[in-house]
Amino acid sequence: MKRLDRRKRRKKKIIGTPERPRLVVYRSLKYIYGQIVDDTQQKTLFGASNLSKEIRDEVKKAKSKIEASRIVGQYIAKKALEKNIKKIVFDRNGYKYHGRVKALAEGAREGGLEF
């Protein structure tokens, strides 16, 4: 339950706007998900995971979950740049900035997003 407490504390400060939407990460034991959210309109602009059709084959070739997370981050960055989103706010959703969450963030940075 520590994660949920951390999430509540961070949620007060992190807000996505149309100019700078929020990249939210959710991590399960098997998969990782990322969504770009505009909180002012309460809309999810788009999302991706290692289940997404476009990158599924690439993710299967990855040797670890961390590599797969980096691929998902790069894909999210590519989709964001297509929609003219260059700057985002990173919401790690209460997870520690370590391992797969960190890999997704680094992949998004490699893809061209600014945090």
PDB file of N, CA and C in Angstrom:
ATOM      1  N   MET A   1       0.804  -1.190   0.000  1.00  0.00           N
ATOM      2  CA  MET A   1       0.000   0.000   0.000  1.00  0.00           C
ATOM      3  C   MET A   1       0.864   1.279   0.000  1.00  0.00           C
ATOM      4  N   LYS A   2       2.154   1.114   0.179  1.00  0.00           N
ATOM      5  CA  LYS A   2       3.037   2.277   0.144  1.00  0.00           C
ATOM      6  C   LYS A   2       2.971   2.966  -1.207  1.00  0.00           C
ATOM      7  N   ARG A   3       2.854   2.178  -2.273  1.00  0.00           N
ATOM      8  CA  ARG A   3       2.784   2.760  -3.610  1.00  0.00           C
ATOM      9  C   ARG A   3       1.584   3.679  -3.734  1.00  0.00           C
ATOM     10  N   LEU A   4       0.442   3.267  -3.193  1.00  0.00           N
ATOM     11  CA  LEU A   4      -0.757   4.096  -3.294  1.00  0.00           C
ATOM     12  C   LEU A   4      -0.611   5.388  -2.490  1.00  0.00           C
ATOM     13  N   ASP A   5       0.071   5.324  -1.349  1.00  0.00           N
ATOM     14  CA  ASP A   5       0.327   6.541  -0.577  1.00  0.00           C
ATOM     15  C   ASP A   5       1.224   7.498  -1.357  1.00  0.00           C
ATOM     16  N   ARG A   6       2.280   6.953  -1.972  1.00  0.00           N
ATOM     17  CA  ARG A   6       3.169   7.785  -2.783  1.00  0.00           C
ATOM     18  C   ARG A   6       2.390   8.394  -3.950  1.00  0.00           C
ATOM     19  N   ARG A   7       1.497   7.595  -4.528  1.00  0.00           N
ATOM     20  CA  ARG A   7       0.702   8.055  -5.666  1.00  0.00           C
ATOM     21  C   ARG A   7      -0.177   9.240  -5.271  1.00  0.00           C
ATOM     22  N   LYS A   8      -0.831   9.154  -4.124  1.00  0.00           N
ATOM     23  CA  LYS A   8      -1.696  10.245  -3.666  1.00  0.00           C
ATOM     24  C   LYS A   8      -0.910  11.529  -3.448  1.00  0.00           C
ATOM     25  N   ARG A   9       0.271  11.413  -2.846  1.00  0.00           N
ATOM     26  CA  ARG A   9       1.099  12.599  -2.604  1.00  0.00           C
ATOM     27  C   ARG A   9       1.505  13.258  -3.914  1.00  0.00           C
ATOM     28  N   ARG A  10       1.935  12.471  -4.878  1.00  0.00           N
ATOM     29  CA  ARG A  10       2.413  13.004  -6.159  1.00  0.00           C
ATOM     30  C   ARG A  10       1.267  13.558  -6.995  1.00  0.00           C
ATOM     31  N   LYS A  11       0.087  12.969  -6.891  1.00  0.00           N
ATOM     32  CA  LYS A  11      -1.057  13.368  -7.711  1.00  0.00           C
ATOM     33  C   LYS A  11      -1.460  14.817  -7.435  1.00  0.00           C
ATOM     34  N   LYS A  12      -1.200  15.302  -6.218  1.00  0.00           N
ATOM     35  CA  LYS A  12      -1.535  16.682  -5.872  1.00  0.00           C
ATOM     36  C   LYS A  12      -0.703  17.679  -6.678  1.00  0.00           C
ATOM     37  N   LYS A  13       0.514  17.309  -7.030  1.00  0.00           N
ATOM     38  CA  LYS A  13       1.450  18.230  -7.673  1.00  0.00           C
ATOM     39  C   LYS A  13       1.538  18.070  -9.186  1.00  0.00           C
ATOM     40  N   ILE A  14       1.292  16.871  -9.696  1.00  0.00           N
ATOM     41  CA  ILE A  14       1.486  16.602 -11.123  1.00  0.00           C
ATOM     42  C   ILE A  14       0.165  16.753 -11.859  1.00  0.00           C
ATOM     43  N   ILE A  15       0.116  17.725 -12.769  1.00  0.00           N
ATOM     44  CA  ILE A  15      -1.095  17.980 -13.550  1.00  0.00           C
ATOM     45  C   ILE A  15      -0.692  18.134 -15.011  1.00  0.00           C
ATOM     46  N   GLY A  16      -1.390  17.435 -15.888  1.00  0.00           N
ATOM     47  CA  GLY A  16      -1.131  17.542 -17.320  1.00  0.00           C
ATOM     48  C   GLY A  16      -1.985  18.630 -17.940  1.00  0.00           C
ATOM     49  N   THR A  17      -1.400  19.423 -18.799  1.00  0.00           N
ATOM     50  CA  THR A  17      -2.111  20.492 -19.502  1.00  0.00           C
ATOM     51  C   THR A  17      -2.062  20.199 -21.000  1.00  0.00           C
ATOM     52  N   PRO A  18      -2.834  20.931 -21.807  1.00  0.00           N
ATOM     53  CA  PRO A  18      -2.753  20.704 -23.259  1.00  0.00           C
ATOM     54  C   PRO A  18      -1.352  20.966 -23.819  1.00  0.00           C
ATOM     55  N   GLU A  19      -0.638  21.964 -23.243  1.00  0.00           N
ATOM     56  CA  GLU A  19       0.706  22.266 -23.729  1.00  0.00           C
ATOM     57  C   GLU A  19       1.719  21.233 -23.231  1.00  0.00           C
ATOM     58  N   ARG A  20       1.481  20.695 -22.056  1.00  0.00           N
ATOM     59  CA  ARG A  20       2.420  19.755 -21.443  1.00  0.00           C
ATOM     60  C   ARG A  20       1.629  18.634 -20.769  1.00  0.00           C
ATOM     61  N   PRO A  21       1.182  17.637 -21.546  1.00  0.00           N
ATOM     62  CA  PRO A  21       0.381  16.559 -20.964  1.00  0.00           C
ATOM     63  C   PRO A  21       1.216  15.635 -20.069  1.00  0.00           C
ATOM     64  N   ARG A  22       0.531  14.745 -19.397  1.00  0.00           N
ATOM     65  CA  ARG A  22       1.153  13.872 -18.401  1.00  0.00           C
ATOM     66  C   ARG A  22       1.340  12.484 -18.997  1.00  0.00           C
ATOM     67  N   LEU A  23       2.529  11.926 -18.824  1.00  0.00           N
ATOM     68  CA  LEU A  23       2.807  10.541 -19.212  1.00  0.00           C
ATOM     69  C   LEU A  23       2.677   9.680 -17.961  1.00  0.00           C
ATOM     70  N   VAL A  24       1.636   8.855 -17.921  1.00  0.00           N
ATOM     71  CA  VAL A  24       1.350   8.011 -16.762  1.00  0.00           C
ATOM     72  C   VAL A  24       1.843   6.602 -17.051  1.00  0.00           C
ATOM     73  N   VAL A  25       2.492   5.999 -16.068  1.00  0.00           N
ATOM     74  CA  VAL A  25       3.014   4.644 -16.206  1.00  0.00           C
ATOM     75  C   VAL A  25       2.235   3.712 -15.287  1.00  0.00           C
ATOM     76  N   TYR A  26       1.846   2.564 -15.822  1.00  0.00           N
ATOM     77  CA  TYR A  26       1.298   1.500 -14.982  1.00  0.00           C
ATOM     78  C   TYR A  26       2.101   0.249 -15.273  1.00  0.00           C
ATOM     79  N   ARG A  27       2.459  -0.453 -14.229  1.00  0.00           N
ATOM     80  CA  ARG A  27       3.318  -1.625 -14.365  1.00  0.00           C
ATOM     81  C   ARG A  27       2.643  -2.799 -13.679  1.00  0.00           C
ATOM     82  N   SER A  28       2.449  -3.887 -14.416  1.00  0.00           N
ATOM     83  CA  SER A  28       1.984  -5.125 -13.808  1.00  0.00           C
ATOM     84  C   SER A  28       3.175  -6.078 -13.767  1.00  0.00           C
ATOM     85  N   LEU A  29       2.971  -7.267 -13.298  1.00  0.00           N
ATOM     86  CA  LEU A  29       4.090  -8.205 -13.220  1.00  0.00           C
ATOM     87  C   LEU A  29       4.609  -8.584 -14.603  1.00  0.00           C
ATOM     88  N   LYS A  30       3.719  -8.600 -15.587  1.00  0.00           N
ATOM     89  CA  LYS A  30       4.095  -9.076 -16.915  1.00  0.00           C
ATOM     90  C   LYS A  30       4.238  -7.954 -17.950  1.00  0.00           C
ATOM     91  N   TYR A  31       3.434  -6.917 -17.829  1.00  0.00           N
ATOM     92  CA  TYR A  31       3.367  -5.877 -18.854  1.00  0.00           C
ATOM     93  C   TYR A  31       3.632  -4.495 -18.269  1.00  0.00           C
ATOM     94  N   ILE A  32       3.863  -3.529 -19.164  1.00  0.00           N
ATOM     95  CA  ILE A  32       3.989  -2.123 -18.759  1.00  0.00           C
ATOM     96  C   ILE A  32       3.161  -1.285 -19.733  1.00  0.00           C
ATOM     97  N   TYR A  33       2.486  -0.299 -19.186  1.00  0.00           N
ATOM     98  CA  TYR A  33       1.583   0.536 -19.959  1.00  0.00           C
ATOM     99  C   TYR A  33       1.970   1.992 -19.774  1.00  0.00           C
ATOM    100  N   GLY A  34       1.807   2.784 -20.820  1.00  0.00           N
ATOM    101  CA  GLY A  34       2.035   4.222 -20.741  1.00  0.00           C
ATOM    102  C   GLY A  34       0.901   4.945 -21.441  1.00  0.00           C
ATOM    103  N   GLN A  35       0.421   6.035 -20.835  1.00  0.00           N
ATOM    104  CA  GLN A  35      -0.651   6.824 -21.429  1.00  0.00           C
ATOM    105  C   GLN A  35      -0.286   8.294 -21.369  1.00  0.00           C
ATOM    106  N   ILE A  36      -0.648   9.018 -22.406  1.00  0.00           N
ATOM    107  CA  ILE A  36      -0.511  10.465 -22.414  1.00  0.00           C
ATOM    108  C   ILE A  36      -1.892  11.042 -22.104  1.00  0.00           C
ATOM    109  N   VAL A  37      -1.964  11.848 -21.023  1.00  0.00           N
ATOM    110  CA  VAL A  37      -3.250  12.326 -20.511  1.00  0.00           C
ATOM    111  C   VAL A  37      -3.245  13.850 -20.414  1.00  0.00           C
ATOM    112  N   ASP A  38      -4.354  14.456 -20.836  1.00  0.00           N
ATOM    113  CA  ASP A  38      -4.592  15.881 -20.645  1.00  0.00           C
ATOM    114  C   ASP A  38      -5.603  16.011 -19.507  1.00  0.00           C
ATOM    115  N   ASP A  39      -5.153  16.465 -18.341  1.00  0.00           N
ATOM    116  CA  ASP A  39      -6.013  16.522 -17.164  1.00  0.00           C
ATOM    117  C   ASP A  39      -7.037  17.650 -17.211  1.00  0.00           C
ATOM    118  N   THR A  40      -6.767  18.713 -17.953  1.00  0.00           N
ATOM    119  CA  THR A  40      -7.724  19.815 -17.999  1.00  0.00           C
ATOM    120  C   THR A  40      -9.000  19.402 -18.730  1.00  0.00           C
ATOM    121  N   GLN A  41      -8.860  18.592 -19.774  1.00  0.00           N
ATOM    122  CA  GLN A  41     -10.024  18.101 -20.510  1.00  0.00           C
ATOM    123  C   GLN A  41     -10.431  16.709 -20.040  1.00  0.00           C
ATOM    124  N   GLN A  42      -9.663  16.134 -19.132  1.00  0.00           N
ATOM    125  CA  GLN A  42      -9.884  14.778 -18.613  1.00  0.00           C
ATOM    126  C   GLN A  42      -9.985  13.764 -19.755  1.00  0.00           C
ATOM    127  N   LYS A  43      -8.972  13.803 -20.636  1.00  0.00           N
ATOM    128  CA  LYS A  43      -8.951  12.896 -21.786  1.00  0.00           C
ATOM    129  C   LYS A  43      -7.606  12.198 -21.878  1.00  0.00           C
ATOM    130  N   THR A  44      -7.664  10.937 -22.259  1.00  0.00           N
ATOM    131  CA  THR A  44      -6.462  10.200 -22.599  1.00  0.00           C
ATOM    132  C   THR A  44      -6.227  10.411 -24.082  1.00  0.00           C
ATOM    133  N   LEU A  45      -5.091  10.995 -24.431  1.00  0.00           N
ATOM    134  CA  LEU A  45      -4.809  11.293 -25.832  1.00  0.00           C
ATOM    135  C   LEU A  45      -4.446  10.020 -26.592  1.00  0.00           C
ATOM    136  N   PHE A  46      -3.605   9.176 -25.986  1.00  0.00           N
ATOM    137  CA  PHE A  46      -3.288   7.869 -26.541  1.00  0.00           C
ATOM    138  C   PHE A  46      -2.516   7.077 -25.500  1.00  0.00           C
ATOM    139  N   GLY A  47      -2.396   5.800 -25.761  1.00  0.00           N
ATOM    140  CA  GLY A  47      -1.668   4.936 -24.845  1.00  0.00           C
ATOM    141  C   GLY A  47      -0.932   3.854 -25.612  1.00  0.00           C
ATOM    142  N   ALA A  48      -0.018   3.192 -24.940  1.00  0.00           N
ATOM    143  CA  ALA A  48       0.734   2.101 -25.553  1.00  0.00           C
ATOM    144  C   ALA A  48       1.184   1.143 -24.458  1.00  0.00           C
ATOM    145  N   SER A  49       1.425  -0.069 -24.847  1.00  0.00           N
ATOM    146  CA  SER A  49       1.959  -1.063 -23.915  1.00  0.00           C
ATOM    147  C   SER A  49       2.749  -2.075 -24.725  1.00  0.00           C
ATOM    148  N   ASN A  50       3.317  -3.062 -24.041  1.00  0.00           N
ATOM    149  CA  ASN A  50       4.026  -4.074 -24.801  1.00  0.00           C
ATOM    150  C   ASN A  50       3.053  -5.053 -25.447  1.00  0.00           C
ATOM    151  N   LEU A  51       1.765  -4.790 -25.369  1.00  0.00           N
ATOM    152  CA  LEU A  51       0.751  -5.562 -26.083  1.00  0.00           C
ATOM    153  C   LEU A  51       0.295  -4.860 -27.359  1.00  0.00           C
ATOM    154  N   SER A  52       0.750  -3.622 -27.586  1.00  0.00           N
ATOM    155  CA  SER A  52       0.336  -2.850 -28.762  1.00  0.00           C
ATOM    156  C   SER A  52       0.739  -3.572 -30.047  1.00  0.00           C
ATOM    157  N   LYS A  53      -0.180  -3.601 -31.002  1.00  0.00           N
ATOM    158  CA  LYS A  53       0.034  -4.346 -32.244  1.00  0.00           C
ATOM    159  C   LYS A  53       1.272  -3.889 -33.008  1.00  0.00           C
ATOM    160  N   GLU A  54       1.495  -2.561 -33.027  1.00  0.00           N
ATOM    161  CA  GLU A  54       2.573  -1.997 -33.836  1.00  0.00           C
ATOM    162  C   GLU A  54       3.960  -2.436 -33.361  1.00  0.00           C
ATOM    163  N   ILE A  55       4.120  -2.688 -32.078  1.00  0.00           N
ATOM    164  CA  ILE A  55       5.446  -3.021 -31.541  1.00  0.00           C
ATOM    165  C   ILE A  55       5.519  -4.421 -30.945  1.00  0.00           C
ATOM    166  N   ARG A  56       4.472  -5.189 -31.096  1.00  0.00           N
ATOM    167  CA  ARG A  56       4.412  -6.519 -30.478  1.00  0.00           C
ATOM    168  C   ARG A  56       5.577  -7.413 -30.902  1.00  0.00           C
ATOM    169  N   ASP A  57       5.892  -7.430 -32.199  1.00  0.00           N
ATOM    170  CA  ASP A  57       6.980  -8.285 -32.692  1.00  0.00           C
ATOM    171  C   ASP A  57       8.332  -7.832 -32.144  1.00  0.00           C
ATOM    172  N   GLU A  58       8.515  -6.513 -32.086  1.00  0.00           N
ATOM    173  CA  GLU A  58       9.766  -5.963 -31.572  1.00  0.00           C
ATOM    174  C   GLU A  58       9.938  -6.300 -30.088  1.00  0.00           C
ATOM    175  N   VAL A  59       8.834  -6.254 -29.350  1.00  0.00           N
ATOM    176  CA  VAL A  59       8.870  -6.549 -27.908  1.00  0.00           C
ATOM    177  C   VAL A  59       9.186  -8.019 -27.677  1.00  0.00           C
ATOM    178  N   LYS A  60       8.657  -8.882 -28.533  1.00  0.00           N
ATOM    179  CA  LYS A  60       8.919 -10.319 -28.378  1.00  0.00           C
ATOM    180  C   LYS A  60      10.402 -10.647 -28.544  1.00  0.00           C
ATOM    181  N   LYS A  61      11.095  -9.868 -29.378  1.00  0.00           N
ATOM    182  CA  LYS A  61      12.521 -10.090 -29.598  1.00  0.00           C
ATOM    183  C   LYS A  61      13.371  -9.593 -28.431  1.00  0.00           C
ATOM    184  N   ALA A  62      12.798  -8.742 -27.581  1.00  0.00           N
ATOM    185  CA  ALA A  62      13.542  -8.189 -26.444  1.00  0.00           C
ATOM    186  C   ALA A  62      13.920  -9.319 -25.488  1.00  0.00           C
ATOM    187  N   LYS A  63      15.116  -9.205 -24.921  1.00  0.00           N
ATOM    188  CA  LYS A  63      15.622 -10.264 -24.052  1.00  0.00           C
ATOM    189  C   LYS A  63      15.116 -10.140 -22.619  1.00  0.00           C
ATOM    190  N   SER A  64      14.654  -8.934 -22.236  1.00  0.00           N
ATOM    191  CA  SER A  64      14.183  -8.751 -20.868  1.00  0.00           C
ATOM    192  C   SER A  64      13.005  -7.782 -20.855  1.00  0.00           C
ATOM    193  N   LYS A  65      12.343  -7.708 -19.716  1.00  0.00           N
ATOM    194  CA  LYS A  65      11.231  -6.776 -19.558  1.00  0.00           C
ATOM    195  C   LYS A  65      11.718  -5.332 -19.606  1.00  0.00           C
ATOM    196  N   ILE A  66      12.948  -5.109 -19.166  1.00  0.00           N
ATOM    197  CA  ILE A  66      13.502  -3.751 -19.190  1.00  0.00           C
ATOM    198  C   ILE A  66      13.699  -3.287 -20.631  1.00  0.00           C
ATOM    199  N   GLU A  67      14.216  -4.161 -21.480  1.00  0.00           N
ATOM    200  CA  GLU A  67      14.361  -3.814 -22.901  1.00  0.00           C
ATOM    201  C   GLU A  67      13.007  -3.544 -23.528  1.00  0.00           C
ATOM    202  N   ALA A  68      12.014  -4.366 -23.178  1.00  0.00           N
ATOM    203  CA  ALA A  68      10.664  -4.179 -23.711  1.00  0.00           C
ATOM    204  C   ALA A  68      10.094  -2.839 -23.260  1.00  0.00           C
ATOM    205  N   SER A  69      10.373  -2.447 -22.031  1.00  0.00           N
ATOM    206  CA  SER A  69       9.892  -1.165 -21.512  1.00  0.00           C
ATOM    207  C   SER A  69      10.514  -0.001 -22.268  1.00  0.00           C
ATOM    208  N   ARG A  70      11.785  -0.115 -22.604  1.00  0.00           N
ATOM    209  CA  ARG A  70      12.461   0.932 -23.376  1.00  0.00           C
ATOM    210  C   ARG A  70      11.817   1.069 -24.760  1.00  0.00           C
ATOM    211  N   ILE A  71      11.469  -0.052 -25.371  1.00  0.00           N
ATOM    212  CA  ILE A  71      10.812  -0.036 -26.688  1.00  0.00           C
ATOM    213  C   ILE A  71       9.456   0.660 -26.593  1.00  0.00           C
ATOM    214  N   VAL A  72       8.706   0.363 -25.532  1.00  0.00           N
ATOM    215  CA  VAL A  72       7.400   1.004 -25.328  1.00  0.00           C
ATOM    216  C   VAL A  72       7.583   2.515 -25.165  1.00  0.00           C
ATOM    217  N   GLY A  73       8.595   2.934 -24.405  1.00  0.00           N
ATOM    218  CA  GLY A  73       8.873   4.364 -24.221  1.00  0.00           C
ATOM    219  C   GLY A  73       9.192   5.047 -25.540  1.00  0.00           C
ATOM    220  N   GLN A  74       9.991   4.398 -26.371  1.00  0.00           N
ATOM    221  CA  GLN A  74      10.338   4.976 -27.671  1.00  0.00           C
ATOM    222  C   GLN A  74       9.103   5.090 -28.566  1.00  0.00           C
ATOM    223  N   TYR A  75       8.233   4.093 -28.489  1.00  0.00           N
ATOM    224  CA  TYR A  75       7.004   4.117 -29.290  1.00  0.00           C
ATOM    225  C   TYR A  75       6.076   5.245 -28.830  1.00  0.00           C
ATOM    226  N   ILE A  76       5.968   5.437 -27.519  1.00  0.00           N
ATOM    227  CA  ILE A  76       5.142   6.525 -26.985  1.00  0.00           C
ATOM    228  C   ILE A  76       5.685   7.871 -27.468  1.00  0.00           C
ATOM    229  N   ALA A  77       6.999   8.026 -27.448  1.00  0.00           N
ATOM    230  CA  ALA A  77       7.616   9.274 -27.917  1.00  0.00           C
ATOM    231  C   ALA A  77       7.306   9.506 -29.394  1.00  0.00           C
ATOM    232  N   LYS A  78       7.388   8.463 -30.185  1.00  0.00           N
ATOM    233  CA  LYS A  78       7.105   8.581 -31.620  1.00  0.00           C
ATOM    234  C   LYS A  78       5.668   9.038 -31.848  1.00  0.00           C
ATOM    235  N   LYS A  79       4.728   8.422 -31.130  1.00  0.00           N
ATOM    236  CA  LYS A  79       3.315   8.789 -31.272  1.00  0.00           C
ATOM    237  C   LYS A  79       3.071  10.222 -30.787  1.00  0.00           C
ATOM    238  N   ALA A  80       3.759  10.623 -29.712  1.00  0.00           N
ATOM    239  CA  ALA A  80       3.586  11.977 -29.174  1.00  0.00           C
ATOM    240  C   ALA A  80       4.095  13.014 -30.165  1.00  0.00           C
ATOM    241  N   LEU A  81       5.242  12.756 -30.768  1.00  0.00           N
ATOM    242  CA  LEU A  81       5.803  13.703 -31.736  1.00  0.00           C
ATOM    243  C   LEU A  81       4.917  13.821 -32.966  1.00  0.00           C
ATOM    244  N   GLU A  82       4.220  12.734 -33.341  1.00  0.00           N
ATOM    245  CA  GLU A  82       3.279  12.797 -34.459  1.00  0.00           C
ATOM    246  C   GLU A  82       2.123  13.743 -34.141  1.00  0.00           C
ATOM    247  N   LYS A  83       1.764  13.839 -32.858  1.00  0.00           N
ATOM    248  CA  LYS A  83       0.674  14.725 -32.434  1.00  0.00           C
ATOM    249  C   LYS A  83       1.197  16.075 -31.947  1.00  0.00           C
ATOM    250  N   ASN A  84       2.444  16.405 -32.284  1.00  0.00           N
ATOM    251  CA  ASN A  84       3.095  17.673 -31.928  1.00  0.00           C
ATOM    252  C   ASN A  84       3.192  17.887 -30.421  1.00  0.00           C
ATOM    253  N   ILE A  85       3.427  16.824 -29.684  1.00  0.00           N
ATOM    254  CA  ILE A  85       3.673  16.913 -28.245  1.00  0.00           C
ATOM    255  C   ILE A  85       5.160  16.681 -28.051  1.00  0.00           C
ATOM    256  N   LYS A  86       5.858  17.705 -27.544  1.00  0.00           N
ATOM    257  CA  LYS A  86       7.303  17.587 -27.347  1.00  0.00           C
ATOM    258  C   LYS A  86       7.687  17.575 -25.880  1.00  0.00           C
ATOM    259  N   LYS A  87       6.896  18.264 -25.042  1.00  0.00           N
ATOM    260  CA  LYS A  87       7.184  18.329 -23.612  1.00  0.00           C
ATOM    261  C   LYS A  87       6.072  17.641 -22.840  1.00  0.00           C
ATOM    262  N   ILE A  88       6.459  16.867 -21.834  1.00  0.00           N
ATOM    263  CA  ILE A  88       5.483  16.155 -21.012  1.00  0.00           C
ATOM    264  C   ILE A  88       5.867  16.269 -19.540  1.00  0.00           C
ATOM    265  N   VAL A  89       4.940  15.867 -18.696  1.00  0.00           N
ATOM    266  CA  VAL A  89       5.178  15.718 -17.268  1.00  0.00           C
ATOM    267  C   VAL A  89       5.158  14.224 -17.002  1.00  0.00           C
ATOM    268  N   PHE A  90       6.174  13.707 -16.340  1.00  0.00           N
ATOM    269  CA  PHE A  90       6.275  12.263 -16.104  1.00  0.00           C
ATOM    270  C   PHE A  90       5.622  11.913 -14.772  1.00  0.00           C
ATOM    271  N   ASP A  91       4.626  11.037 -14.818  1.00  0.00           N
ATOM    272  CA  ASP A  91       3.930  10.564 -13.625  1.00  0.00           C
ATOM    273  C   ASP A  91       4.249   9.087 -13.461  1.00  0.00           C
ATOM    274  N   ARG A  92       5.082   8.783 -12.482  1.00  0.00           N
ATOM    275  CA  ARG A  92       5.482   7.389 -12.289  1.00  0.00           C
ATOM    276  C   ARG A  92       4.459   6.601 -11.492  1.00  0.00           C
ATOM    277  N   ASN A  93       3.350   7.254 -11.108  1.00  0.00           N
ATOM    278  CA  ASN A  93       2.197   6.584 -10.517  1.00  0.00           C
ATOM    279  C   ASN A  93       2.526   5.864  -9.206  1.00  0.00           C
ATOM    280  N   GLY A  94       3.453   6.408  -8.448  1.00  0.00           N
ATOM    281  CA  GLY A  94       3.796   5.822  -7.161  1.00  0.00           C
ATOM    282  C   GLY A  94       4.897   4.788  -7.211  1.00  0.00           C
ATOM    283  N   TYR A  95       5.305   4.386  -8.407  1.00  0.00           N
ATOM    284  CA  TYR A  95       6.387   3.414  -8.533  1.00  0.00           C
ATOM    285  C   TYR A  95       7.722   4.126  -8.335  1.00  0.00           C
ATOM    286  N   LYS A  96       8.695   3.405  -7.844  1.00  0.00           N
ATOM    287  CA  LYS A  96      10.026   3.973  -7.707  1.00  0.00           C
ATOM    288  C   LYS A  96      10.637   4.141  -9.095  1.00  0.00           C
ATOM    289  N   TYR A  97      11.428   5.178  -9.268  1.00  0.00           N
ATOM    290  CA  TYR A  97      12.082   5.444 -10.552  1.00  0.00           C
ATOM    291  C   TYR A  97      13.271   4.495 -10.664  1.00  0.00           C
ATOM    292  N   HIS A  98      12.977   3.279 -11.097  1.00  0.00           N
ATOM    293  CA  HIS A  98      13.971   2.218 -11.090  1.00  0.00           C
ATOM    294  C   HIS A  98      13.487   1.120 -12.031  1.00  0.00           C
ATOM    295  N   GLY A  99      14.389   0.429 -12.642  1.00  0.00           N
ATOM    296  CA  GLY A  99      14.033  -0.739 -13.443  1.00  0.00           C
ATOM    297  C   GLY A  99      13.203  -0.405 -14.662  1.00  0.00           C
ATOM    298  N   ARG A 100      12.026  -1.027 -14.776  1.00  0.00           N
ATOM    299  CA  ARG A 100      11.197  -0.881 -15.967  1.00  0.00           C
ATOM    300  C   ARG A 100      10.613   0.519 -16.120  1.00  0.00           C
ATOM    301  N   VAL A 101      10.273   1.161 -15.005  1.00  0.00           N
ATOM    302  CA  VAL A 101       9.746   2.531 -15.071  1.00  0.00           C
ATOM    303  C   VAL A 101      10.822   3.470 -15.600  1.00  0.00           C
ATOM    304  N   LYS A 102      12.028   3.312 -15.108  1.00  0.00           N
ATOM    305  CA  LYS A 102      13.155   4.126 -15.564  1.00  0.00           C
ATOM    306  C   LYS A 102      13.449   3.850 -17.038  1.00  0.00           C
ATOM    307  N   ALA A 103      13.375   2.589 -17.458  1.00  0.00           N
ATOM    308  CA  ALA A 103      13.643   2.229 -18.853  1.00  0.00           C
ATOM    309  C   ALA A 103      12.614   2.865 -19.779  1.00  0.00           C
ATOM    310  N   LEU A 104      11.346   2.876 -19.377  1.00  0.00           N
ATOM    311  CA  LEU A 104      10.314   3.501 -20.195  1.00  0.00           C
ATOM    312  C   LEU A 104      10.589   5.003 -20.331  1.00  0.00           C
ATOM    313  N   ALA A 105      10.951   5.648 -19.232  1.00  0.00           N
ATOM    314  CA  ALA A 105      11.251   7.084 -19.260  1.00  0.00           C
ATOM    315  C   ALA A 105      12.450   7.372 -20.154  1.00  0.00           C
ATOM    316  N   GLU A 106      13.500   6.569 -20.034  1.00  0.00           N
ATOM    317  CA  GLU A 106      14.687   6.775 -20.861  1.00  0.00           C
ATOM    318  C   GLU A 106      14.383   6.537 -22.334  1.00  0.00           C
ATOM    319  N   GLY A 107      13.552   5.546 -22.615  1.00  0.00           N
ATOM    320  CA  GLY A 107      13.135   5.295 -23.999  1.00  0.00           C
ATOM    321  C   GLY A 107      12.373   6.470 -24.572  1.00  0.00           C
ATOM    322  N   ALA A 108      11.498   7.086 -23.760  1.00  0.00           N
ATOM    323  CA  ALA A 108      10.746   8.250 -24.210  1.00  0.00           C
ATOM    324  C   ALA A 108      11.685   9.436 -24.466  1.00  0.00           C
ATOM    325  N   ARG A 109      12.693   9.579 -23.612  1.00  0.00           N
ATOM    326  CA  ARG A 109      13.670  10.657 -23.817  1.00  0.00           C
ATOM    327  C   ARG A 109      14.467  10.420 -25.090  1.00  0.00           C
ATOM    328  N   GLU A 110      14.874   9.176 -25.320  1.00  0.00           N
ATOM    329  CA  GLU A 110      15.625   8.832 -26.544  1.00  0.00           C
ATOM    330  C   GLU A 110      14.791   9.137 -27.775  1.00  0.00           C
ATOM    331  N   GLY A 111      13.472   8.936 -27.657  1.00  0.00           N
ATOM    332  CA  GLY A 111      12.577   9.185 -28.771  1.00  0.00           C
ATOM    333  C   GLY A 111      12.345  10.658 -29.057  1.00  0.00           C
ATOM    334  N   GLY A 112      12.775  11.544 -28.133  1.00  0.00           N
ATOM    335  CA  GLY A 112      12.679  12.967 -28.396  1.00  0.00           C
ATOM    336  C   GLY A 112      11.778  13.750 -27.455  1.00  0.00           C
ATOM    337  N   LEU A 113      11.204  13.121 -26.453  1.00  0.00           N
ATOM    338  CA  LEU A 113      10.356  13.859 -25.509  1.00  0.00           C
ATOM    339  C   LEU A 113      11.206  14.547 -24.449  1.00  0.00           C
ATOM    340  N   GLU A 114      10.739  15.703 -23.998  1.00  0.00           N
ATOM    341  CA  GLU A 114      11.420  16.436 -22.925  1.00  0.00           C
ATOM    342  C   GLU A 114      10.559  16.355 -21.677  1.00  0.00           C
ATOM    343  N   PHE A 115      11.196  16.035 -20.555  1.00  0.00           N
ATOM    344  CA  PHE A 115      10.471  15.947 -19.280  1.00  0.00           C
ATOM    345  C   PHE A 115      10.682  17.223 -18.509  1.00  0.00           C
TER     346      PHE A 115
END
